[in-house]
C-alpha atoms as a PDB file:
ATOM      1  CA  MET A   1     -55.244  65.011 109.723  1.00  0.00           C
ATOM      2  CA  ASP A   2     -54.528  62.733 107.754  1.00  0.00           C
ATOM      3  CA  ILE A   3     -53.248  64.511 104.668  1.00  0.00           C
ATOM      4  CA  ILE A   4     -50.260  66.136 106.586  1.00  0.00           C
ATOM      5  CA  ARG A   5     -49.622  62.370 107.855  1.00  0.00           C
ATOM      6  CA  LYS A   6     -49.649  61.649 103.592  1.00  0.00           C
ATOM      7  CA  ILE A   7     -47.219  64.822 102.991  1.00  0.00           C
ATOM      8  CA  GLU A   8     -45.001  63.928 105.539  1.00  0.00           C
ATOM      9  CA  GLN A   9     -44.890  60.593 104.772  1.00  0.00           C
ATOM     10  CA  GLU A  10     -43.372  61.504 101.047  1.00  0.00           C
ATOM     11  CA  GLN A  11     -40.841  63.981 102.637  1.00  0.00           C
ATOM     12  CA  LEU A  12     -38.671  60.912 104.821  1.00  0.00           C
ATOM     13  CA  LYS A  13     -35.519  59.339 103.397  1.00  0.00           C
ATOM     14  CA  GLU A  14     -36.048  56.198 103.545  1.00  0.00           C
ATOM     15  CA  ASP A  15     -31.917  55.571 104.313  1.00  0.00           C
ATOM     16  CA  VAL A  16     -31.412  57.194 106.861  1.00  0.00           C
ATOM     17  CA  THR A  17     -28.522  55.845 109.181  1.00  0.00           C
ATOM     18  CA  ASP A  18     -28.950  54.639 113.123  1.00  0.00           C
ATOM     19  CA  PHE A  19     -27.306  56.524 115.473  1.00  0.00           C
ATOM     20  CA  ASN A  20     -27.641  57.940 118.450  1.00  0.00           C
ATOM     21  CA  VAL A  21     -26.382  60.003 120.956  1.00  0.00           C
ATOM     22  CA  GLY A  22     -22.620  60.512 122.146  1.00  0.00           C
ATOM     23  CA  ASP A  23     -21.483  58.031 118.461  1.00  0.00           C
ATOM     24  CA  THR A  24     -19.032  60.146 116.397  1.00  0.00           C
ATOM     25  CA  ILE A  25     -19.909  60.996 113.159  1.00  0.00           C
ATOM     26  CA  LYS A  26     -19.337  62.309 109.486  1.00  0.00           C
ATOM     27  CA  VAL A  27     -21.758  64.343 108.341  1.00  0.00           C
ATOM     28  CA  HIS A  28     -21.647  64.972 104.205  1.00  0.00           C
ATOM     29  CA  ALA A  29     -23.396  68.384 103.955  1.00  0.00           C
ATOM     30  CA  ARG A  30     -24.571  69.598 100.703  1.00  0.00           C
ATOM     31  CA  VAL A  31     -23.147  73.655 100.639  1.00  0.00           C
ATOM     32  CA  ARG A  32     -24.145  75.805  97.812  1.00  0.00           C
ATOM     33  CA  GLU A  33     -21.994  78.174  96.811  1.00  0.00           C
ATOM     34  CA  GLY A  34     -22.553  80.571  93.603  1.00  0.00           C
ATOM     35  CA  GLY A  35     -24.016  78.482  91.053  1.00  0.00           C
ATOM     36  CA  LYS A  36     -21.726  75.483  92.856  1.00  0.00           C
ATOM     37  CA  GLU A  37     -22.562  72.942  94.499  1.00  0.00           C
ATOM     38  CA  ARG A  38     -20.418  70.839  96.863  1.00  0.00           C
ATOM     39  CA  ILE A  39     -20.633  68.584  99.733  1.00  0.00           C
ATOM     40  CA  GLN A  40     -18.515  69.350 103.719  1.00  0.00           C
ATOM     41  CA  LEU A  41     -18.274  67.550 105.852  1.00  0.00           C
ATOM     42  CA  PHE A  42     -19.760  68.496 109.656  1.00  0.00           C
ATOM     43  CA  ALA A  43     -17.752  65.473 111.820  1.00  0.00           C
ATOM     44  CA  GLY A  44     -18.146  65.374 115.962  1.00  0.00           C
ATOM     45  CA  VAL A  45     -20.002  64.557 118.257  1.00  0.00           C
ATOM     46  CA  VAL A  46     -24.042  63.584 118.671  1.00  0.00           C
ATOM     47  CA  ILE A  47     -24.558  66.157 122.225  1.00  0.00           C
ATOM     48  CA  ALA A  48     -28.605  65.766 121.427  1.00  0.00           C
ATOM     49  CA  LYS A  49     -31.460  64.929 119.152  1.00  0.00           C
ATOM     50  CA  ARG A  50     -35.260  65.663 118.986  1.00  0.00           C
ATOM     51  CA  GLY A  51     -38.370  65.824 117.169  1.00  0.00           C
ATOM     52  CA  SER A  52     -39.997  63.124 115.516  1.00  0.00           C
ATOM     53  CA  SER A  53     -41.010  61.444 111.563  1.00  0.00           C
ATOM     54  CA  VAL A  54     -40.255  65.056 109.617  1.00  0.00           C
ATOM     55  CA  ASN A  55     -38.374  66.959 112.118  1.00  0.00           C
ATOM     56  CA  THR A  56     -36.181  64.889 113.281  1.00  0.00           C
ATOM     57  CA  ALA A  57     -33.198  67.163 114.002  1.00  0.00           C
ATOM     58  CA  PHE A  58     -29.425  66.403 116.145  1.00  0.00           C
ATOM     59  CA  THR A  59     -27.369  68.655 117.413  1.00  0.00           C
ATOM     60  CA  VAL A  60     -23.472  67.423 115.814  1.00  0.00           C
ATOM     61  CA  ARG A  61     -20.675  69.149 118.488  1.00  0.00           C
ATOM     62  CA  LYS A  62     -16.256  69.439 117.304  1.00  0.00           C
ATOM     63  CA  ILE A  63     -13.863  71.161 118.381  1.00  0.00           C
ATOM     64  CA  SER A  64     -12.136  73.438 115.651  1.00  0.00           C
ATOM     65  CA  TYR A  65      -9.440  75.108 116.931  1.00  0.00           C
ATOM     66  CA  GLY A  66      -9.649  75.452 120.279  1.00  0.00           C
ATOM     67  CA  GLU A  67     -13.079  76.955 119.600  1.00  0.00           C
ATOM     68  CA  GLY A  68     -16.465  74.327 120.480  1.00  0.00           C
ATOM     69  CA  VAL A  69     -18.658  74.769 117.427  1.00  0.00           C
ATOM     70  CA  GLU A  70     -22.625  73.524 117.368  1.00  0.00           C
ATOM     71  CA  ARG A  71     -24.392  72.497 113.612  1.00  0.00           C
ATOM     72  CA  VAL A  72     -28.057  71.924 113.751  1.00  0.00           C
ATOM     73  CA  PHE A  73     -28.514  69.324 111.136  1.00  0.00           C
ATOM     74  CA  HIS A  74     -32.679  68.255 109.741  1.00  0.00           C
ATOM     75  CA  ILE A  75     -32.442  64.429 109.466  1.00  0.00           C
ATOM     76  CA  HIS A  76     -34.529  64.329 106.600  1.00  0.00           C
ATOM     77  CA  SER A  77     -33.959  66.710 105.110  1.00  0.00           C
ATOM     78  CA  PRO A  78     -32.516  67.113 101.076  1.00  0.00           C
ATOM     79  CA  ARG A  79     -28.705  69.045 102.459  1.00  0.00           C
ATOM     80  CA  ILE A  80     -27.598  66.390 103.704  1.00  0.00           C
ATOM     81  CA  ALA A  81     -25.891  64.095 101.344  1.00  0.00           C
ATOM     82  CA  LYS A  82     -24.846  61.440 104.381  1.00  0.00           C
ATOM     83  CA  ILE A  83     -24.496  60.455 107.704  1.00  0.00           C
ATOM     84  CA  GLU A  84     -21.529  57.834 109.040  1.00  0.00           C
ATOM     85  CA  VAL A  85     -21.016  56.474 111.726  1.00  0.00           C
ATOM     86  CA  THR A  86     -17.704  56.603 113.355  1.00  0.00           C
ATOM     87  CA  HIS A  87     -17.461  55.393 115.955  1.00  0.00           C
ATOM     88  CA  ARG A  88     -19.914  54.340 118.987  1.00  0.00           C
ATOM     89  CA  GLY A  89     -20.705  55.930 121.787  1.00  0.00           C
ATOM     90  CA  LYS A  90     -22.306  54.601 125.855  1.00  0.00           C
ATOM     91  CA  VAL A  91     -23.206  57.399 127.635  1.00  0.00           C
ATOM     92  CA  ARG A  92     -25.817  57.583 130.378  1.00  0.00           C
ATOM     93  CA  ARG A  93     -27.593  61.198 129.189  1.00  0.00           C
ATOM     94  CA  ALA A  94     -30.052  62.077 126.514  1.00  0.00           C
ATOM     95  CA  LYS A  95     -29.080  65.098 126.023  1.00  0.00           C
ATOM     96  CA  LEU A  96     -24.863  66.049 126.832  1.00  0.00           C
ATOM     97  CA  HIS A  97     -24.887  70.137 126.554  1.00  0.00           C
ATOM     98  CA  TYR A  98     -22.409  69.271 129.858  1.00  0.00           C
ATOM     99  CA  LEU A  99     -19.673  69.223 127.415  1.00  0.00           C
ATOM    100  CA  ARG A 100     -20.490  72.855 125.967  1.00  0.00           C
ATOM    101  CA  SER A 101     -18.157  73.960 129.689  1.00  0.00           C
ATOM    102  CA  ARG A 102     -15.998  71.097 128.866  1.00  0.00           C
ATOM    103  CA  VAL A 103     -12.021  72.111 127.696  1.00  0.00           C
ATOM    104  CA  GLY A 104      -9.765  70.351 125.353  1.00  0.00           C
ATOM    105  CA  LYS A 105      -9.835  66.044 125.856  1.00  0.00           C
ATOM    106  CA  ARG A 106     -12.387  66.175 127.942  1.00  0.00           C
ATOM    107  CA  ALA A 107     -14.079  68.176 124.898  1.00  0.00           C
ATOM    108  CA  LEU A 108     -13.627  64.677 123.085  1.00  0.00           C
ATOM    109  CA  GLN A 109     -14.560  62.396 125.904  1.00  0.00           C
ATOM    110  CA  VAL A 110     -17.669  59.931 125.821  1.00  0.00           C
ATOM    111  CA  LYS A 111     -17.306  57.019 127.323  1.00  0.00           C
ATOM    112  CA  SER A 112     -16.508  53.542 124.373  1.00  0.00           C
ATOM    113  CA  ALA A 113     -17.351  50.567 127.394  1.00  0.00           C
ATOM    114  CA  ASP A 114     -17.440  51.511 131.836  1.00  0.00           C
ATOM    115  CA  ARG A 115     -13.947  52.269 132.864  1.00  0.00           C
ATOM    116  CA  ARG A 116     -14.093  50.444 136.716  1.00  0.00           C
END
């Protein structure tokens, strides 16, 4: 069992940006097309985080041309160049799957502060 942990420790990235569910982020993902490699941005709201250690993954959702698009990324993947947090959200749920049923501006609304 120690061997597995040792291998997992080698796979971990040191410079991982701290973000939570509800935050709006930009993920700089490396994409290989043919023989070339480029960086592609995917910006949206983090709706879920799961796993631990090397297996940590998060789901980002955005609205593109009126259609909802979700993508799952592994935090420690070499395919991720950088993660930028553009807006911190304040949510009361661990998973924001209810945003899937929302349309328009309501799909983008994640409260930044409680208004009463």
